[in-house]
C-alpha atoms as a PDB file:
ATOM      1  CA  UNK A   1      85.149 117.218  64.096  1.00  0.00           C
ATOM      2  CA  UNK A   2      85.430 113.526  64.684  1.00  0.00           C
ATOM      3  CA  UNK A   3      88.782 112.123  65.695  1.00  0.00           C
ATOM      4  CA  UNK A   4      90.257 108.887  64.340  1.00  0.00           C
ATOM      5  CA  UNK A   5      89.870 105.841  66.534  1.00  0.00           C
ATOM      6  CA  UNK A   6      93.001 104.675  68.404  1.00  0.00           C
ATOM      7  CA  UNK A   7      94.650 101.526  67.106  1.00  0.00           C
ATOM      8  CA  UNK A   8      93.322  98.279  68.544  1.00  0.00           C
ATOM      9  CA  UNK A   9      96.752  96.937  69.344  1.00  0.00           C
ATOM     10  CA  UNK A  10      98.546  99.047  71.962  1.00  0.00           C
ATOM     11  CA  UNK A  11     101.593  96.786  72.196  1.00  0.00           C
ATOM     12  CA  UNK A  12     104.977  98.075  71.067  1.00  0.00           C
ATOM     13  CA  UNK A  13     105.740  94.914  69.064  1.00  0.00           C
ATOM     14  CA  UNK A  14     105.520  95.347  65.271  1.00  0.00           C
ATOM     15  CA  UNK A  15     102.357  94.180  63.552  1.00  0.00           C
ATOM     16  CA  UNK A  16     102.790  90.910  61.653  1.00  0.00           C
ATOM     17  CA  UNK A  17     100.407  89.827  58.906  1.00  0.00           C
ATOM     18  CA  UNK A  18      99.452  86.157  58.805  1.00  0.00           C
ATOM     19  CA  UNK A  19      97.642  84.066  56.172  1.00  0.00           C
ATOM     20  CA  UNK A  20      94.634  85.945  54.785  1.00  0.00           C
ATOM     21  CA  UNK A  21      95.729  89.280  56.280  1.00  0.00           C
ATOM     22  CA  UNK A  22      98.628  89.491  53.836  1.00  0.00           C
ATOM     23  CA  UNK A  23      97.741  92.032  51.142  1.00  0.00           C
ATOM     24  CA  UNK A  24     100.310  91.402  48.412  1.00  0.00           C
ATOM     25  CA  UNK A  25      99.058  89.418  45.385  1.00  0.00           C
ATOM     26  CA  UNK A  26     102.400  87.562  45.138  1.00  0.00           C
ATOM     27  CA  UNK A  27     104.894  86.589  47.856  1.00  0.00           C
ATOM     28  CA  UNK A  28     108.300  85.006  48.034  1.00  0.00           C
ATOM     29  CA  UNK A  29     107.982  81.859  50.172  1.00  0.00           C
ATOM     30  CA  UNK A  30     110.568  80.363  52.530  1.00  0.00           C
ATOM     31  CA  UNK A  31     109.873  76.730  53.389  1.00  0.00           C
ATOM     32  CA  UNK A  32     109.701  75.040  56.750  1.00  0.00           C
ATOM     33  CA  UNK A  33     113.336  73.953  56.421  1.00  0.00           C
ATOM     34  CA  UNK A  34     114.489  77.537  55.722  1.00  0.00           C
ATOM     35  CA  UNK A  35     115.052  77.125  51.985  1.00  0.00           C
ATOM     36  CA  UNK A  36     113.561  79.500  49.421  1.00  0.00           C
ATOM     37  CA  UNK A  37     110.731  77.952  47.414  1.00  0.00           C
ATOM     38  CA  UNK A  38     110.263  80.824  44.966  1.00  0.00           C
ATOM     39  CA  UNK A  39     107.490  83.322  44.185  1.00  0.00           C
ATOM     40  CA  UNK A  40     103.903  82.137  44.629  1.00  0.00           C
ATOM     41  CA  UNK A  41     100.556  83.770  44.348  1.00  0.00           C
ATOM     42  CA  UNK A  42      99.007  84.525  47.715  1.00  0.00           C
ATOM     43  CA  UNK A  43      96.343  81.848  47.300  1.00  0.00           C
ATOM     44  CA  UNK A  44      98.888  79.153  46.351  1.00  0.00           C
ATOM     45  CA  UNK A  45     101.152  80.163  49.232  1.00  0.00           C
ATOM     46  CA  UNK A  46      98.297  79.880  51.743  1.00  0.00           C
ATOM     47  CA  UNK A  47      97.332  76.484  50.363  1.00  0.00           C
ATOM     48  CA  UNK A  48     100.959  75.382  50.626  1.00  0.00           C
ATOM     49  CA  UNK A  49     101.016  76.453  54.291  1.00  0.00           C
ATOM     50  CA  UNK A  50      97.786  74.571  55.007  1.00  0.00           C
ATOM     51  CA  UNK A  51      99.139  71.419  53.388  1.00  0.00           C
ATOM     52  CA  UNK A  52     102.105  71.591  55.791  1.00  0.00           C
ATOM     53  CA  UNK A  53      99.804  72.396  58.795  1.00  0.00           C
ATOM     54  CA  UNK A  54     101.614  75.686  59.419  1.00  0.00           C
ATOM     55  CA  UNK A  55     100.909  79.393  58.882  1.00  0.00           C
ATOM     56  CA  UNK A  56     102.056  81.810  56.216  1.00  0.00           C
ATOM     57  CA  UNK A  57     103.814  84.602  58.138  1.00  0.00           C
ATOM     58  CA  UNK A  58     105.006  87.803  56.489  1.00  0.00           C
ATOM     59  CA  UNK A  59     108.542  88.520  57.720  1.00  0.00           C
ATOM     60  CA  UNK A  60     109.720  91.179  55.209  1.00  0.00           C
ATOM     61  CA  UNK A  61     106.748  93.325  54.161  1.00  0.00           C
ATOM     62  CA  UNK A  62     108.900  96.007  52.475  1.00  0.00           C
ATOM     63  CA  UNK A  63     110.550  93.607  50.030  1.00  0.00           C
ATOM     64  CA  UNK A  64     109.322  93.297  46.449  1.00  0.00           C
ATOM     65  CA  UNK A  65     107.592  90.897  46.505  1.00  0.00           C
ATOM     66  CA  UNK A  66     107.112  90.544  50.303  1.00  0.00           C
ATOM     67  CA  UNK A  67     108.892  87.599  51.911  1.00  0.00           C
ATOM     68  CA  UNK A  68     106.763  85.089  53.816  1.00  0.00           C
ATOM     69  CA  UNK A  69     107.753  82.073  55.850  1.00  0.00           C
ATOM     70  CA  UNK A  70     106.017  78.762  56.422  1.00  0.00           C
ATOM     71  CA  UNK A  71     106.060  78.429  60.203  1.00  0.00           C
ATOM     72  CA  UNK A  72     103.731  77.914  63.123  1.00  0.00           C
ATOM     73  CA  UNK A  73     102.706  81.395  64.259  1.00  0.00           C
ATOM     74  CA  UNK A  74     102.954  80.523  67.952  1.00  0.00           C
ATOM     75  CA  UNK A  75     106.495  79.267  67.469  1.00  0.00           C
ATOM     76  CA  UNK A  76     107.330  82.371  65.448  1.00  0.00           C
ATOM     77  CA  UNK A  77     106.155  84.674  68.252  1.00  0.00           C
ATOM     78  CA  UNK A  78     108.153  82.678  70.809  1.00  0.00           C
ATOM     79  CA  UNK A  79     111.341  83.011  68.741  1.00  0.00           C
ATOM     80  CA  UNK A  80     110.779  86.744  68.347  1.00  0.00           C
ATOM     81  CA  UNK A  81     110.313  87.244  72.096  1.00  0.00           C
ATOM     82  CA  UNK A  82     113.550  85.357  72.805  1.00  0.00           C
ATOM     83  CA  UNK A  83     115.449  87.574  70.360  1.00  0.00           C
ATOM     84  CA  UNK A  84     114.040  90.700  72.004  1.00  0.00           C
ATOM     85  CA  UNK A  85     115.126  89.519  75.452  1.00  0.00           C
ATOM     86  CA  UNK A  86     118.644  88.776  74.218  1.00  0.00           C
ATOM     87  CA  UNK A  87     118.818  92.210  72.617  1.00  0.00           C
ATOM     88  CA  UNK A  88     117.812  93.847  75.904  1.00  0.00           C
ATOM     89  CA  UNK A  89     120.563  91.955  77.738  1.00  0.00           C
ATOM     90  CA  UNK A  90     123.198  93.287  75.342  1.00  0.00           C
ATOM     91  CA  UNK A  91     121.907  96.825  75.820  1.00  0.00           C
ATOM     92  CA  UNK A  92     123.268  96.769  79.395  1.00  0.00           C
ATOM     93  CA  UNK A  93     126.799  96.820  77.978  1.00  0.00           C
ATOM     94  CA  UNK A  94     126.191 100.399  76.779  1.00  0.00           C
ATOM     95  CA  UNK A  95     125.279 101.611  80.278  1.00  0.00           C
ATOM     96  CA  UNK A  96     127.889 103.111  82.599  1.00  0.00           C
ATOM     97  CA  UNK A  97     127.628 103.524  86.381  1.00  0.00           C
ATOM     98  CA  UNK A  98     130.004 105.769  88.306  1.00  0.00           C
ATOM     99  CA  UNK A  99     131.615 104.937  91.641  1.00  0.00           C
ATOM    100  CA  UNK A 100     133.220 107.864  93.490  1.00  0.00           C
ATOM    101  CA  UNK A 101     136.094 107.400  95.939  1.00  0.00           C
ATOM    102  CA  UNK A 102     138.258 109.705  98.052  1.00  0.00           C
ATOM    103  CA  UNK A 103     141.870 109.369  99.240  1.00  0.00           C
ATOM    104  CA  UNK A 104     140.724 109.176 102.895  1.00  0.00           C
ATOM    105  CA  UNK A 105     137.776 106.839 102.349  1.00  0.00           C
ATOM    106  CA  UNK A 106     136.712 104.711 105.305  1.00  0.00           C
ATOM    107  CA  UNK A 107     137.308 100.940 104.935  1.00  0.00           C
ATOM    108  CA  UNK A 108     133.605 100.230 105.470  1.00  0.00           C
ATOM    109  CA  UNK A 109     132.592 102.739 102.797  1.00  0.00           C
ATOM    110  CA  UNK A 110     135.232 101.255 100.516  1.00  0.00           C
ATOM    111  CA  UNK A 111     133.656  97.812 100.925  1.00  0.00           C
ATOM    112  CA  UNK A 112     130.144  99.161 100.273  1.00  0.00           C
ATOM    113  CA  UNK A 113     131.212 100.850  97.035  1.00  0.00           C
ATOM    114  CA  UNK A 114     133.089  97.712  96.018  1.00  0.00           C
ATOM    115  CA  UNK A 115     129.889  95.672  96.481  1.00  0.00           C
ATOM    116  CA  UNK A 116     127.913  98.106  94.327  1.00  0.00           C
ATOM    117  CA  UNK A 117     130.531  97.867  91.579  1.00  0.00           C
ATOM    118  CA  UNK A 118     130.392  94.050  91.691  1.00  0.00           C
ATOM    119  CA  UNK A 119     126.607  94.168  91.309  1.00  0.00           C
ATOM    120  CA  UNK A 120     126.905  96.430  88.258  1.00  0.00           C
ATOM    121  CA  UNK A 121     129.553  94.268  86.588  1.00  0.00           C
ATOM    122  CA  UNK A 122     127.521  91.105  87.198  1.00  0.00           C
ATOM    123  CA  UNK A 123     124.599  92.858  85.467  1.00  0.00           C
ATOM    124  CA  UNK A 124     126.776  93.490  82.366  1.00  0.00           C
ATOM    125  CA  UNK A 125     127.118  97.223  83.181  1.00  0.00           C
ATOM    126  CA  UNK A 126     130.391  99.117  82.881  1.00  0.00           C
ATOM    127  CA  UNK A 127     131.741 100.945  85.931  1.00  0.00           C
ATOM    128  CA  UNK A 128     133.626 104.242  85.938  1.00  0.00           C
ATOM    129  CA  UNK A 129     135.722 104.651  89.081  1.00  0.00           C
ATOM    130  CA  UNK A 130     136.501 108.282  89.976  1.00  0.00           C
ATOM    131  CA  UNK A 131     138.697 109.406  92.861  1.00  0.00           C
ATOM    132  CA  UNK A 132     138.506 113.155  93.541  1.00  0.00           C
ATOM    133  CA  UNK A 133     141.109 115.244  95.383  1.00  0.00           C
ATOM    134  CA  UNK A 134     140.156 118.221  97.533  1.00  0.00           C
ATOM    135  CA  UNK A 135     142.419 121.064  98.577  1.00  0.00           C
ATOM    136  CA  UNK A 136     145.805 119.923  99.798  1.00  0.00           C
ATOM    137  CA  UNK A 137     145.090 116.295  98.917  1.00  0.00           C
ATOM    138  CA  UNK A 138     146.553 117.039  95.476  1.00  0.00           C
ATOM    139  CA  UNK A 139     149.997 116.932  97.116  1.00  0.00           C
ATOM    140  CA  UNK A 140     149.514 113.178  97.745  1.00  0.00           C
ATOM    141  CA  UNK A 141     148.335 111.796  94.420  1.00  0.00           C
ATOM    142  CA  UNK A 142     150.302 108.606  95.103  1.00  0.00           C
ATOM    143  CA  UNK A 143     147.839 107.784  97.899  1.00  0.00           C
ATOM    144  CA  UNK A 144     144.954 108.212  95.479  1.00  0.00           C
ATOM    145  CA  UNK A 145     146.558 105.899  92.936  1.00  0.00           C
ATOM    146  CA  UNK A 146     147.043 103.292  95.675  1.00  0.00           C
ATOM    147  CA  UNK A 147     143.333 103.463  96.523  1.00  0.00           C
ATOM    148  CA  UNK A 148     142.312 103.062  92.899  1.00  0.00           C
ATOM    149  CA  UNK A 149     144.750 100.189  92.318  1.00  0.00           C
ATOM    150  CA  UNK A 150     143.433  98.385  95.396  1.00  0.00           C
ATOM    151  CA  UNK A 151     139.867  98.836  94.115  1.00  0.00           C
ATOM    152  CA  UNK A 152     140.819  97.464  90.701  1.00  0.00           C
ATOM    153  CA  UNK A 153     142.680  94.555  92.291  1.00  0.00           C
ATOM    154  CA  UNK A 154     139.773  93.596  94.560  1.00  0.00           C
ATOM    155  CA  UNK A 155     137.309  93.664  91.675  1.00  0.00           C
ATOM    156  CA  UNK A 156     139.527  91.736  89.221  1.00  0.00           C
ATOM    157  CA  UNK A 157     137.424  88.487  89.464  1.00  0.00           C
ATOM    158  CA  UNK A 158     134.459  90.415  88.022  1.00  0.00           C
ATOM    159  CA  UNK A 159     135.877  93.070  85.685  1.00  0.00           C
ATOM    160  CA  UNK A 160     139.027  94.425  84.113  1.00  0.00           C
ATOM    161  CA  UNK A 161     140.207  98.001  83.396  1.00  0.00           C
ATOM    162  CA  UNK A 162     139.971  99.172  79.798  1.00  0.00           C
ATOM    163  CA  UNK A 163     143.093 101.304  80.301  1.00  0.00           C
ATOM    164  CA  UNK A 164     145.418 102.216  83.185  1.00  0.00           C
ATOM    165  CA  UNK A 165     144.166 104.774  85.680  1.00  0.00           C
ATOM    166  CA  UNK A 166     144.865 108.375  84.649  1.00  0.00           C
ATOM    167  CA  UNK A 167     145.034 111.669  86.503  1.00  0.00           C
ATOM    168  CA  UNK A 168     142.750 114.189  84.796  1.00  0.00           C
ATOM    169  CA  UNK A 169     142.671 117.548  86.566  1.00  0.00           C
ATOM    170  CA  UNK A 170     141.837 116.828  90.203  1.00  0.00           C
ATOM    171  CA  UNK A 171     140.502 113.307  89.628  1.00  0.00           C
ATOM    172  CA  UNK A 172     141.833 109.838  88.924  1.00  0.00           C
ATOM    173  CA  UNK A 173     139.564 107.852  86.601  1.00  0.00           C
ATOM    174  CA  UNK A 174     139.534 104.310  85.310  1.00  0.00           C
ATOM    175  CA  UNK A 175     136.875 102.455  83.298  1.00  0.00           C
ATOM    176  CA  UNK A 176     136.025  98.842  84.204  1.00  0.00           C
ATOM    177  CA  UNK A 177     134.327  96.394  81.856  1.00  0.00           C
ATOM    178  CA  UNK A 178     132.665  93.132  82.981  1.00  0.00           C
ATOM    179  CA  UNK A 179     134.435  89.870  82.314  1.00  0.00           C
ATOM    180  CA  UNK A 180     132.710  87.224  80.149  1.00  0.00           C
ATOM    181  CA  UNK A 181     130.207  85.084  82.015  1.00  0.00           C
ATOM    182  CA  UNK A 182     132.316  81.938  81.733  1.00  0.00           C
ATOM    183  CA  UNK A 183     135.343  83.728  83.263  1.00  0.00           C
ATOM    184  CA  UNK A 184     133.545  85.906  85.807  1.00  0.00           C
ATOM    185  CA  UNK A 185     133.150  84.907  89.443  1.00  0.00           C
ATOM    186  CA  UNK A 186     129.669  84.542  90.867  1.00  0.00           C
ATOM    187  CA  UNK A 187     128.244  87.479  92.751  1.00  0.00           C
ATOM    188  CA  UNK A 188     128.825  86.710  96.450  1.00  0.00           C
ATOM    189  CA  UNK A 189     125.611  88.540  97.370  1.00  0.00           C
ATOM    190  CA  UNK A 190     123.479  86.195  95.262  1.00  0.00           C
ATOM    191  CA  UNK A 191     122.146  82.779  96.171  1.00  0.00           C
ATOM    192  CA  UNK A 192     122.805  79.580  94.240  1.00  0.00           C
ATOM    193  CA  UNK A 193     119.749  80.228  92.073  1.00  0.00           C
ATOM    194  CA  UNK A 194     121.040  83.682  91.101  1.00  0.00           C
ATOM    195  CA  UNK A 195     118.573  85.671  93.231  1.00  0.00           C
ATOM    196  CA  UNK A 196     119.835  88.283  95.741  1.00  0.00           C
ATOM    197  CA  UNK A 197     120.224  87.076  99.302  1.00  0.00           C
ATOM    198  CA  UNK A 198     117.651  88.542 101.707  1.00  0.00           C
ATOM    199  CA  UNK A 199     119.035  91.123 104.121  1.00  0.00           C
ATOM    200  CA  UNK A 200     119.279  89.812 107.708  1.00  0.00           C
ATOM    201  CA  UNK A 201     116.835  91.431 110.104  1.00  0.00           C
ATOM    202  CA  UNK A 202     117.271  91.506 113.852  1.00  0.00           C
ATOM    203  CA  UNK A 203     114.002  90.262 115.298  1.00  0.00           C
ATOM    204  CA  UNK A 204     113.528  91.067 118.984  1.00  0.00           C
ATOM    205  CA  UNK A 205     111.850  88.352 121.023  1.00  0.00           C
ATOM    206  CA  UNK A 206     108.229  89.089 121.799  1.00  0.00           C
ATOM    207  CA  UNK A 207     107.460  89.819 125.473  1.00  0.00           C
ATOM    208  CA  UNK A 208     105.828  87.011 127.369  1.00  0.00           C
ATOM    209  CA  UNK A 209     102.104  87.462 127.953  1.00  0.00           C
ATOM    210  CA  UNK A 210     101.149  87.762 131.624  1.00  0.00           C
ATOM    211  CA  UNK A 211      98.700  85.068 132.602  1.00  0.00           C
ATOM    212  CA  UNK A 212      95.816  85.991 134.894  1.00  0.00           C
ATOM    213  CA  UNK A 213      96.560  83.148 137.367  1.00  0.00           C
ATOM    214  CA  UNK A 214     100.325  83.449 137.304  1.00  0.00           C
ATOM    215  CA  UNK A 215     101.949  83.726 140.798  1.00  0.00           C
ATOM    216  CA  UNK A 216     103.662  86.932 141.866  1.00  0.00           C
ATOM    217  CA  UNK A 217     107.386  87.209 141.139  1.00  0.00           C
ATOM    218  CA  UNK A 218     108.264  86.576 144.787  1.00  0.00           C
ATOM    219  CA  UNK A 219     106.764  83.049 144.633  1.00  0.00           C
ATOM    220  CA  UNK A 220     108.504  82.037 141.420  1.00  0.00           C
ATOM    221  CA  UNK A 221     111.403  79.563 141.767  1.00  0.00           C
ATOM    222  CA  UNK A 222     114.898  81.051 141.745  1.00  0.00           C
ATOM    223  CA  UNK A 223     113.334  84.516 142.065  1.00  0.00           C
ATOM    224  CA  UNK A 224     115.415  87.254 143.665  1.00  0.00           C
ATOM    225  CA  UNK A 225     114.046  89.072 146.746  1.00  0.00           C
ATOM    226  CA  UNK A 226     113.272  92.758 146.499  1.00  0.00           C
ATOM    227  CA  UNK A 227     116.180  95.121 146.792  1.00  0.00           C
ATOM    228  CA  UNK A 228     115.215  96.320 150.303  1.00  0.00           C
ATOM    229  CA  UNK A 229     113.889  92.997 151.692  1.00  0.00           C
ATOM    230  CA  UNK A 230     116.734  92.576 154.213  1.00  0.00           C
ATOM    231  CA  UNK A 231     117.364  96.242 154.781  1.00  0.00           C
ATOM    232  CA  UNK A 232     117.759  96.927 158.556  1.00  0.00           C
ATOM    233  CA  UNK A 233     116.444 100.466 158.187  1.00  0.00           C
ATOM    234  CA  UNK A 234     112.948  99.129 157.505  1.00  0.00           C
ATOM    235  CA  UNK A 235     112.676  97.832 161.110  1.00  0.00           C
ATOM    236  CA  UNK A 236     113.292 101.212 162.706  1.00  0.00           C
ATOM    237  CA  UNK A 237     110.300 103.085 164.137  1.00  0.00           C
ATOM    238  CA  UNK A 238     109.838 106.694 163.488  1.00  0.00           C
ATOM    239  CA  UNK A 239     108.632 109.166 166.072  1.00  0.00           C
ATOM    240  CA  UNK A 240     105.586 110.120 164.079  1.00  0.00           C
ATOM    241  CA  UNK A 241     102.362 108.659 165.477  1.00  0.00           C
ATOM    242  CA  UNK A 242     100.084 106.915 163.116  1.00  0.00           C
ATOM    243  CA  UNK A 243      96.665 108.438 162.714  1.00  0.00           C
END
């Protein structure tokens, strides 16, 4: 049994009918200036688009009659791509990243986790800070609250807590939301152009190549003599006869 052919267009963007590919006999036309021009037959609408040197683009195929717009198709695609990018940026606000702390966290580890949280907030991602107690640490919950408050205070230029920190079971949790772009500090780990700074690498100096005609180390200026050059024991003769 023969199988149906796959669709020609494999892109995820919705298919848009233009000009002669529109199938409806009548369409509702929106002019170049955005005003409604009324219902036209498909032929008259295409002629109207040609007279304005633009395309007839179907923007609401499910309407009755379908709604078409007089616009340059290239410009229409550009506007649609910009809207999709903006929509993807706002989708980051629904994501949540978790940062886990402990009452006895090392200062270096504290700074590393703080940097990760700053990166998330600068990417429009919420951060959930969780401090977990283990064993007898539950007897010192005040120390845990101090750690969480210090974390929230250090990250205040980039985000704010949605509610005060709460003790739930054996954990202290607080949710942080990013500040608006115009009120948020710039990520210190990014360059002026917004790109991440490259990590510094320690590059060891390459060893000097030994030249074939280079003098021995003893003839080099400011060279040190061998360790046993002036050793008096080298002048002593042993009782063993040389063969």
